[in-house]
Amino acid sequence: MEMSVEKFVSRRMHPVRVTVGLLNRELDGAKGDEVSMDREMLESVINTLEIFIGDYDVNFKKAAGGREKKFVESGNKGPVKV
């Protein structure tokens, strides 16, 4: 089943919007220039964005013959393909 980019983004936008709302809430509650966030919450933010990017890559980027860029991720998961 082929999916348009517009439909893909529409279907997967809710988790990204929730993530942005969470980050905005954390920024609003921060004091000074530093933002403190629970490790589990930050991992959830990262996972949400990785899922969105991974789904996009599988459905569109690789199908279009796009090249992958690799970025080093802190931690022990290895490089993240974007």
PDB file of N, CA and C in Angstrom:
ATOM      1  N   MET A   1       0.840  -1.175   0.000  1.00  0.00           N
ATOM      2  CA  MET A   1       0.000   0.000   0.000  1.00  0.00           C
ATOM      3  C   MET A   1       0.892   1.247   0.000  1.00  0.00           C
ATOM      4  N   GLU A   2       0.705   2.089  -0.950  1.00  0.00           N
ATOM      5  CA  GLU A   2       1.501   3.302  -1.058  1.00  0.00           C
ATOM      6  C   GLU A   2       0.794   4.434  -0.326  1.00  0.00           C
ATOM      7  N   MET A   3       1.564   5.231   0.390  1.00  0.00           N
ATOM      8  CA  MET A   3       1.007   6.320   1.187  1.00  0.00           C
ATOM      9  C   MET A   3       1.660   7.618   0.751  1.00  0.00           C
ATOM     10  N   SER A   4       0.851   8.664   0.616  1.00  0.00           N
ATOM     11  CA  SER A   4       1.403   9.964   0.258  1.00  0.00           C
ATOM     12  C   SER A   4       2.122  10.563   1.464  1.00  0.00           C
ATOM     13  N   VAL A   5       3.034  11.475   1.191  1.00  0.00           N
ATOM     14  CA  VAL A   5       3.759  12.148   2.275  1.00  0.00           C
ATOM     15  C   VAL A   5       2.769  12.881   3.170  1.00  0.00           C
ATOM     16  N   GLU A   6       1.791  13.524   2.568  1.00  0.00           N
ATOM     17  CA  GLU A   6       0.791  14.282   3.339  1.00  0.00           C
ATOM     18  C   GLU A   6       0.029  13.377   4.312  1.00  0.00           C
ATOM     19  N   LYS A   7      -0.400  12.211   3.843  1.00  0.00           N
ATOM     20  CA  LYS A   7      -1.134  11.280   4.706  1.00  0.00           C
ATOM     21  C   LYS A   7      -0.208  10.710   5.786  1.00  0.00           C
ATOM     22  N   PHE A   8       1.022  10.401   5.406  1.00  0.00           N
ATOM     23  CA  PHE A   8       1.998   9.878   6.356  1.00  0.00           C
ATOM     24  C   PHE A   8       2.200  10.848   7.511  1.00  0.00           C
ATOM     25  N   VAL A   9       2.475  12.116   7.173  1.00  0.00           N
ATOM     26  CA  VAL A   9       2.736  13.130   8.200  1.00  0.00           C
ATOM     27  C   VAL A   9       1.499  13.329   9.061  1.00  0.00           C
ATOM     28  N   SER A  10       0.337  13.385   8.431  1.00  0.00           N
ATOM     29  CA  SER A  10      -0.908  13.588   9.174  1.00  0.00           C
ATOM     30  C   SER A  10      -1.132  12.472  10.195  1.00  0.00           C
ATOM     31  N   ARG A  11      -0.900  11.248   9.810  1.00  0.00           N
ATOM     32  CA  ARG A  11      -1.141  10.097  10.693  1.00  0.00           C
ATOM     33  C   ARG A  11      -0.153  10.035  11.855  1.00  0.00           C
ATOM     34  N   ARG A  12       1.041  10.542  11.654  1.00  0.00           N
ATOM     35  CA  ARG A  12       2.080  10.422  12.674  1.00  0.00           C
ATOM     36  C   ARG A  12       2.374  11.722  13.408  1.00  0.00           C
ATOM     37  N   MET A  13       1.607  12.751  13.147  1.00  0.00           N
ATOM     38  CA  MET A  13       1.880  14.056  13.733  1.00  0.00           C
ATOM     39  C   MET A  13       1.463  14.144  15.204  1.00  0.00           C
ATOM     40  N   HIS A  14       0.462  13.426  15.629  1.00  0.00           N
ATOM     41  CA  HIS A  14      -0.008  13.544  17.014  1.00  0.00           C
ATOM     42  C   HIS A  14       1.099  13.293  18.039  1.00  0.00           C
ATOM     43  N   PRO A  15       1.855  12.182  17.965  1.00  0.00           N
ATOM     44  CA  PRO A  15       2.926  11.985  18.952  1.00  0.00           C
ATOM     45  C   PRO A  15       3.982  13.087  18.914  1.00  0.00           C
ATOM     46  N   VAL A  16       4.253  13.620  17.731  1.00  0.00           N
ATOM     47  CA  VAL A  16       5.240  14.702  17.625  1.00  0.00           C
ATOM     48  C   VAL A  16       4.690  15.967  18.289  1.00  0.00           C
ATOM     49  N   ARG A  17       3.409  16.256  18.090  1.00  0.00           N
ATOM     50  CA  ARG A  17       2.796  17.429  18.732  1.00  0.00           C
ATOM     51  C   ARG A  17       2.801  17.287  20.252  1.00  0.00           C
ATOM     52  N   VAL A  18       2.522  16.098  20.753  1.00  0.00           N
ATOM     53  CA  VAL A  18       2.559  15.858  22.197  1.00  0.00           C
ATOM     54  C   VAL A  18       3.973  16.083  22.717  1.00  0.00           C
ATOM     55  N   THR A  19       4.962  15.613  21.976  1.00  0.00           N
ATOM     56  CA  THR A  19       6.356  15.784  22.365  1.00  0.00           C
ATOM     57  C   THR A  19       6.740  17.255  22.417  1.00  0.00           C
ATOM     58  N   VAL A  20       6.339  18.018  21.411  1.00  0.00           N
ATOM     59  CA  VAL A  20       6.630  19.457  21.396  1.00  0.00           C
ATOM     60  C   VAL A  20       5.944  20.144  22.576  1.00  0.00           C
ATOM     61  N   GLY A  21       4.709  19.760  22.871  1.00  0.00           N
ATOM     62  CA  GLY A  21       4.007  20.318  24.028  1.00  0.00           C
ATOM     63  C   GLY A  21       4.733  20.017  25.329  1.00  0.00           C
ATOM     64  N   LEU A  22       5.223  18.807  25.463  1.00  0.00           N
ATOM     65  CA  LEU A  22       5.974  18.418  26.647  1.00  0.00           C
ATOM     66  C   LEU A  22       7.242  19.253  26.783  1.00  0.00           C
ATOM     67  N   LEU A  23       7.971  19.420  25.692  1.00  0.00           N
ATOM     68  CA  LEU A  23       9.200  20.212  25.731  1.00  0.00           C
ATOM     69  C   LEU A  23       8.895  21.674  26.073  1.00  0.00           C
ATOM     70  N   ASN A  24       7.829  22.218  25.513  1.00  0.00           N
ATOM     71  CA  ASN A  24       7.443  23.595  25.843  1.00  0.00           C
ATOM     72  C   ASN A  24       7.080  23.733  27.319  1.00  0.00           C
ATOM     73  N   ARG A  25       6.386  22.745  27.861  1.00  0.00           N
ATOM     74  CA  ARG A  25       6.030  22.775  29.279  1.00  0.00           C
ATOM     75  C   ARG A  25       7.276  22.758  30.154  1.00  0.00           C
ATOM     76  N   GLU A  26       8.244  21.937  29.775  1.00  0.00           N
ATOM     77  CA  GLU A  26       9.496  21.871  30.530  1.00  0.00           C
ATOM     78  C   GLU A  26      10.247  23.200  30.456  1.00  0.00           C
ATOM     79  N   LEU A  27      10.265  23.817  29.287  1.00  0.00           N
ATOM     80  CA  LEU A  27      10.927  25.115  29.144  1.00  0.00           C
ATOM     81  C   LEU A  27      10.235  26.187  29.979  1.00  0.00           C
ATOM     82  N   ASP A  28       8.904  26.188  29.969  1.00  0.00           N
ATOM     83  CA  ASP A  28       8.152  27.180  30.748  1.00  0.00           C
ATOM     84  C   ASP A  28       8.394  27.027  32.246  1.00  0.00           C
ATOM     85  N   GLY A  29       8.592  25.799  32.695  1.00  0.00           N
ATOM     86  CA  GLY A  29       8.806  25.549  34.112  1.00  0.00           C
ATOM     87  C   GLY A  29      10.244  25.688  34.563  1.00  0.00           C
ATOM     88  N   ALA A  30      11.150  25.883  33.616  1.00  0.00           N
ATOM     89  CA  ALA A  30      12.574  25.981  33.940  1.00  0.00           C
ATOM     90  C   ALA A  30      12.884  27.323  34.593  1.00  0.00           C
ATOM     91  N   LYS A  31      13.843  27.293  35.466  1.00  0.00           N
ATOM     92  CA  LYS A  31      14.305  28.512  36.123  1.00  0.00           C
ATOM     93  C   LYS A  31      15.697  28.838  35.604  1.00  0.00           C
ATOM     94  N   GLY A  32      15.875  30.056  35.146  1.00  0.00           N
ATOM     95  CA  GLY A  32      17.181  30.461  34.623  1.00  0.00           C
ATOM     96  C   GLY A  32      17.421  29.898  33.241  1.00  0.00           C
ATOM     97  N   ASP A  33      18.685  29.670  32.933  1.00  0.00           N
ATOM     98  CA  ASP A  33      19.073  29.208  31.604  1.00  0.00           C
ATOM     99  C   ASP A  33      19.136  27.682  31.489  1.00  0.00           C
ATOM    100  N   GLU A  34      19.017  26.969  32.591  1.00  0.00           N
ATOM    101  CA  GLU A  34      19.128  25.514  32.557  1.00  0.00           C
ATOM    102  C   GLU A  34      17.751  24.862  32.611  1.00  0.00           C
ATOM    103  N   VAL A  35      17.623  23.785  31.856  1.00  0.00           N
ATOM    104  CA  VAL A  35      16.388  23.003  31.844  1.00  0.00           C
ATOM    105  C   VAL A  35      16.720  21.620  32.372  1.00  0.00           C
ATOM    106  N   SER A  36      15.968  21.189  33.355  1.00  0.00           N
ATOM    107  CA  SER A  36      16.176  19.870  33.927  1.00  0.00           C
ATOM    108  C   SER A  36      15.004  18.975  33.519  1.00  0.00           C
ATOM    109  N   MET A  37      15.338  17.749  33.074  1.00  0.00           N
ATOM    110  CA  MET A  37      14.295  16.832  32.628  1.00  0.00           C
ATOM    111  C   MET A  37      14.623  15.433  33.123  1.00  0.00           C
ATOM    112  N   ASP A  38      13.622  14.728  33.562  1.00  0.00           N
ATOM    113  CA  ASP A  38      13.768  13.353  33.994  1.00  0.00           C
ATOM    114  C   ASP A  38      14.322  12.509  32.842  1.00  0.00           C
ATOM    115  N   ARG A  39      15.235  11.615  33.149  1.00  0.00           N
ATOM    116  CA  ARG A  39      15.879  10.793  32.116  1.00  0.00           C
ATOM    117  C   ARG A  39      14.863   9.986  31.307  1.00  0.00           C
ATOM    118  N   GLU A  40      13.884   9.392  31.963  1.00  0.00           N
ATOM    119  CA  GLU A  40      12.870   8.598  31.260  1.00  0.00           C
ATOM    120  C   GLU A  40      12.064   9.466  30.304  1.00  0.00           C
ATOM    121  N   MET A  41      11.755  10.695  30.721  1.00  0.00           N
ATOM    122  CA  MET A  41      11.002  11.590  29.877  1.00  0.00           C
ATOM    123  C   MET A  41      11.821  11.970  28.645  1.00  0.00           C
ATOM    124  N   LEU A  42      13.094  12.262  28.847  1.00  0.00           N
ATOM    125  CA  LEU A  42      13.959  12.612  27.724  1.00  0.00           C
ATOM    126  C   LEU A  42      14.116  11.428  26.767  1.00  0.00           C
ATOM    127  N   GLU A  43      14.242  10.232  27.305  1.00  0.00           N
ATOM    128  CA  GLU A  43      14.314   9.040  26.456  1.00  0.00           C
ATOM    129  C   GLU A  43      13.039   8.862  25.638  1.00  0.00           C
ATOM    130  N   SER A  44      11.888   9.171  26.234  1.00  0.00           N
ATOM    131  CA  SER A  44      10.618   9.087  25.510  1.00  0.00           C
ATOM    132  C   SER A  44      10.560  10.092  24.370  1.00  0.00           C
ATOM    133  N   VAL A  45      11.062  11.290  24.619  1.00  0.00           N
ATOM    134  CA  VAL A  45      11.115  12.319  23.570  1.00  0.00           C
ATOM    135  C   VAL A  45      11.984  11.820  22.417  1.00  0.00           C
ATOM    136  N   ILE A  46      13.154  11.319  22.736  1.00  0.00           N
ATOM    137  CA  ILE A  46      14.071  10.822  21.712  1.00  0.00           C
ATOM    138  C   ILE A  46      13.441   9.666  20.946  1.00  0.00           C
ATOM    139  N   ASN A  47      12.822   8.726  21.645  1.00  0.00           N
ATOM    140  CA  ASN A  47      12.188   7.583  20.986  1.00  0.00           C
ATOM    141  C   ASN A  47      11.068   8.011  20.050  1.00  0.00           C
ATOM    142  N   THR A  48      10.258   8.975  20.482  1.00  0.00           N
ATOM    143  CA  THR A  48       9.165   9.467  19.642  1.00  0.00           C
ATOM    144  C   THR A  48       9.699  10.046  18.345  1.00  0.00           C
ATOM    145  N   LEU A  49      10.746  10.860  18.445  1.00  0.00           N
ATOM    146  CA  LEU A  49      11.329  11.468  17.249  1.00  0.00           C
ATOM    147  C   LEU A  49      12.021  10.425  16.370  1.00  0.00           C
ATOM    148  N   GLU A  50      12.691   9.444  16.987  1.00  0.00           N
ATOM    149  CA  GLU A  50      13.347   8.387  16.211  1.00  0.00           C
ATOM    150  C   GLU A  50      12.322   7.550  15.447  1.00  0.00           C
ATOM    151  N   ILE A  51      11.179   7.274  16.052  1.00  0.00           N
ATOM    152  CA  ILE A  51      10.129   6.510  15.377  1.00  0.00           C
ATOM    153  C   ILE A  51       9.621   7.266  14.158  1.00  0.00           C
ATOM    154  N   PHE A  52       9.360   8.565  14.325  1.00  0.00           N
ATOM    155  CA  PHE A  52       8.881   9.390  13.221  1.00  0.00           C
ATOM    156  C   PHE A  52       9.904   9.398  12.086  1.00  0.00           C
ATOM    157  N   ILE A  53      11.164   9.631  12.413  1.00  0.00           N
ATOM    158  CA  ILE A  53      12.226   9.685  11.405  1.00  0.00           C
ATOM    159  C   ILE A  53      12.409   8.316  10.746  1.00  0.00           C
ATOM    160  N   GLY A  54      12.410   7.257  11.540  1.00  0.00           N
ATOM    161  CA  GLY A  54      12.570   5.909  10.997  1.00  0.00           C
ATOM    162  C   GLY A  54      11.443   5.535  10.056  1.00  0.00           C
ATOM    163  N   ASP A  55      10.202   5.843  10.433  1.00  0.00           N
ATOM    164  CA  ASP A  55       9.057   5.554   9.566  1.00  0.00           C
ATOM    165  C   ASP A  55       9.153   6.335   8.261  1.00  0.00           C
ATOM    166  N   TYR A  56       9.566   7.578   8.358  1.00  0.00           N
ATOM    167  CA  TYR A  56       9.725   8.389   7.148  1.00  0.00           C
ATOM    168  C   TYR A  56      10.784   7.776   6.236  1.00  0.00           C
ATOM    169  N   ASP A  57      11.924   7.392   6.813  1.00  0.00           N
ATOM    170  CA  ASP A  57      12.993   6.787   6.017  1.00  0.00           C
ATOM    171  C   ASP A  57      12.518   5.525   5.313  1.00  0.00           C
ATOM    172  N   VAL A  58      11.813   4.676   6.023  1.00  0.00           N
ATOM    173  CA  VAL A  58      11.348   3.417   5.451  1.00  0.00           C
ATOM    174  C   VAL A  58      10.340   3.676   4.337  1.00  0.00           C
ATOM    175  N   ASN A  59       9.436   4.624   4.548  1.00  0.00           N
ATOM    176  CA  ASN A  59       8.345   4.848   3.596  1.00  0.00           C
ATOM    177  C   ASN A  59       8.697   5.755   2.426  1.00  0.00           C
ATOM    178  N   PHE A  60       9.641   6.676   2.602  1.00  0.00           N
ATOM    179  CA  PHE A  60       9.851   7.664   1.554  1.00  0.00           C
ATOM    180  C   PHE A  60      11.302   7.854   1.144  1.00  0.00           C
ATOM    181  N   LYS A  61      12.167   8.098   2.071  1.00  0.00           N
ATOM    182  CA  LYS A  61      13.538   8.461   1.734  1.00  0.00           C
ATOM    183  C   LYS A  61      14.255   7.348   0.972  1.00  0.00           C
ATOM    184  N   LYS A  62      14.219   6.141   1.489  1.00  0.00           N
ATOM    185  CA  LYS A  62      14.904   5.040   0.831  1.00  0.00           C
ATOM    186  C   LYS A  62      14.232   4.696  -0.493  1.00  0.00           C
ATOM    187  N   ALA A  63      12.906   4.829  -0.558  1.00  0.00           N
ATOM    188  CA  ALA A  63      12.183   4.555  -1.798  1.00  0.00           C
ATOM    189  C   ALA A  63      12.569   5.548  -2.886  1.00  0.00           C
ATOM    190  N   ALA A  64      12.900   6.771  -2.476  1.00  0.00           N
ATOM    191  CA  ALA A  64      13.284   7.805  -3.433  1.00  0.00           C
ATOM    192  C   ALA A  64      14.772   7.754  -3.760  1.00  0.00           C
ATOM    193  N   GLY A  65      15.493   6.832  -3.144  1.00  0.00           N
ATOM    194  CA  GLY A  65      16.924   6.701  -3.421  1.00  0.00           C
ATOM    195  C   GLY A  65      17.764   7.733  -2.696  1.00  0.00           C
ATOM    196  N   GLY A  66      17.234   8.288  -1.600  1.00  0.00           N
ATOM    197  CA  GLY A  66      17.963   9.286  -0.825  1.00  0.00           C
ATOM    198  C   GLY A  66      19.128   8.675  -0.082  1.00  0.00           C
ATOM    199  N   ARG A  67      20.141   9.500   0.141  1.00  0.00           N
ATOM    200  CA  ARG A  67      21.307   9.040   0.885  1.00  0.00           C
ATOM    201  C   ARG A  67      21.076   9.276   2.366  1.00  0.00           C
ATOM    202  N   GLU A  68      21.606   8.387   3.173  1.00  0.00           N
ATOM    203  CA  GLU A  68      21.490   8.523   4.620  1.00  0.00           C
ATOM    204  C   GLU A  68      22.657   9.321   5.165  1.00  0.00           C
ATOM    205  N   LYS A  69      22.395  10.161   6.148  1.00  0.00           N
ATOM    206  CA  LYS A  69      23.444  10.853   6.880  1.00  0.00           C
ATOM    207  C   LYS A  69      23.521  10.198   8.239  1.00  0.00           C
ATOM    208  N   LYS A  70      24.731   9.992   8.730  1.00  0.00           N
ATOM    209  CA  LYS A  70      24.887   9.362  10.034  1.00  0.00           C
ATOM    210  C   LYS A  70      25.345  10.397  11.046  1.00  0.00           C
ATOM    211  N   PHE A  71      24.721  10.358  12.205  1.00  0.00           N
ATOM    212  CA  PHE A  71      25.079  11.231  13.301  1.00  0.00           C
ATOM    213  C   PHE A  71      25.382  10.359  14.501  1.00  0.00           C
ATOM    214  N   VAL A  72      26.412  10.699  15.223  1.00  0.00           N
ATOM    215  CA  VAL A  72      26.796   9.923  16.395  1.00  0.00           C
ATOM    216  C   VAL A  72      25.859  10.277  17.534  1.00  0.00           C
ATOM    217  N   GLU A  73      25.381   9.268  18.207  1.00  0.00           N
ATOM    218  CA  GLU A  73      24.468   9.436  19.323  1.00  0.00           C
ATOM    219  C   GLU A  73      25.225   9.162  20.608  1.00  0.00           C
ATOM    220  N   SER A  74      24.983   9.985  21.610  1.00  0.00           N
ATOM    221  CA  SER A  74      25.596   9.680  22.900  1.00  0.00           C
ATOM    222  C   SER A  74      24.882   8.488  23.488  1.00  0.00           C
ATOM    223  N   GLY A  75      25.573   7.684  24.202  1.00  0.00           N
ATOM    224  CA  GLY A  75      24.979   6.462  24.736  1.00  0.00           C
ATOM    225  C   GLY A  75      25.578   5.274  24.022  1.00  0.00           C
ATOM    226  N   ASN A  76      24.946   4.138  24.142  1.00  0.00           N
ATOM    227  CA  ASN A  76      25.511   2.928  23.576  1.00  0.00           C
ATOM    228  C   ASN A  76      24.671   2.336  22.460  1.00  0.00           C
ATOM    229  N   LYS A  77      23.819   3.124  21.813  1.00  0.00           N
ATOM    230  CA  LYS A  77      23.005   2.600  20.734  1.00  0.00           C
ATOM    231  C   LYS A  77      23.711   2.669  19.379  1.00  0.00           C
ATOM    232  N   GLY A  78      24.779   3.449  19.278  1.00  0.00           N
ATOM    233  CA  GLY A  78      25.481   3.588  18.013  1.00  0.00           C
ATOM    234  C   GLY A  78      24.921   4.740  17.203  1.00  0.00           C
ATOM    235  N   PRO A  79      25.308   4.826  15.921  1.00  0.00           N
ATOM    236  CA  PRO A  79      24.876   5.958  15.104  1.00  0.00           C
ATOM    237  C   PRO A  79      23.379   5.914  14.812  1.00  0.00           C
ATOM    238  N   VAL A  80      22.806   7.092  14.680  1.00  0.00           N
ATOM    239  CA  VAL A  80      21.403   7.233  14.315  1.00  0.00           C
ATOM    240  C   VAL A  80      21.373   7.653  12.857  1.00  0.00           C
ATOM    241  N   LYS A  81      20.622   6.948  12.038  1.00  0.00           N
ATOM    242  CA  LYS A  81      20.521   7.271  10.623  1.00  0.00           C
ATOM    243  C   LYS A  81      19.381   8.262  10.426  1.00  0.00           C
ATOM    244  N   VAL A  82      19.688   9.370   9.766  1.00  0.00           N
ATOM    245  CA  VAL A  82      18.686  10.406   9.527  1.00  0.00           C
ATOM    246  C   VAL A  82      18.594  10.682   8.055  1.00  0.00           C
TER     247      VAL A  82
END
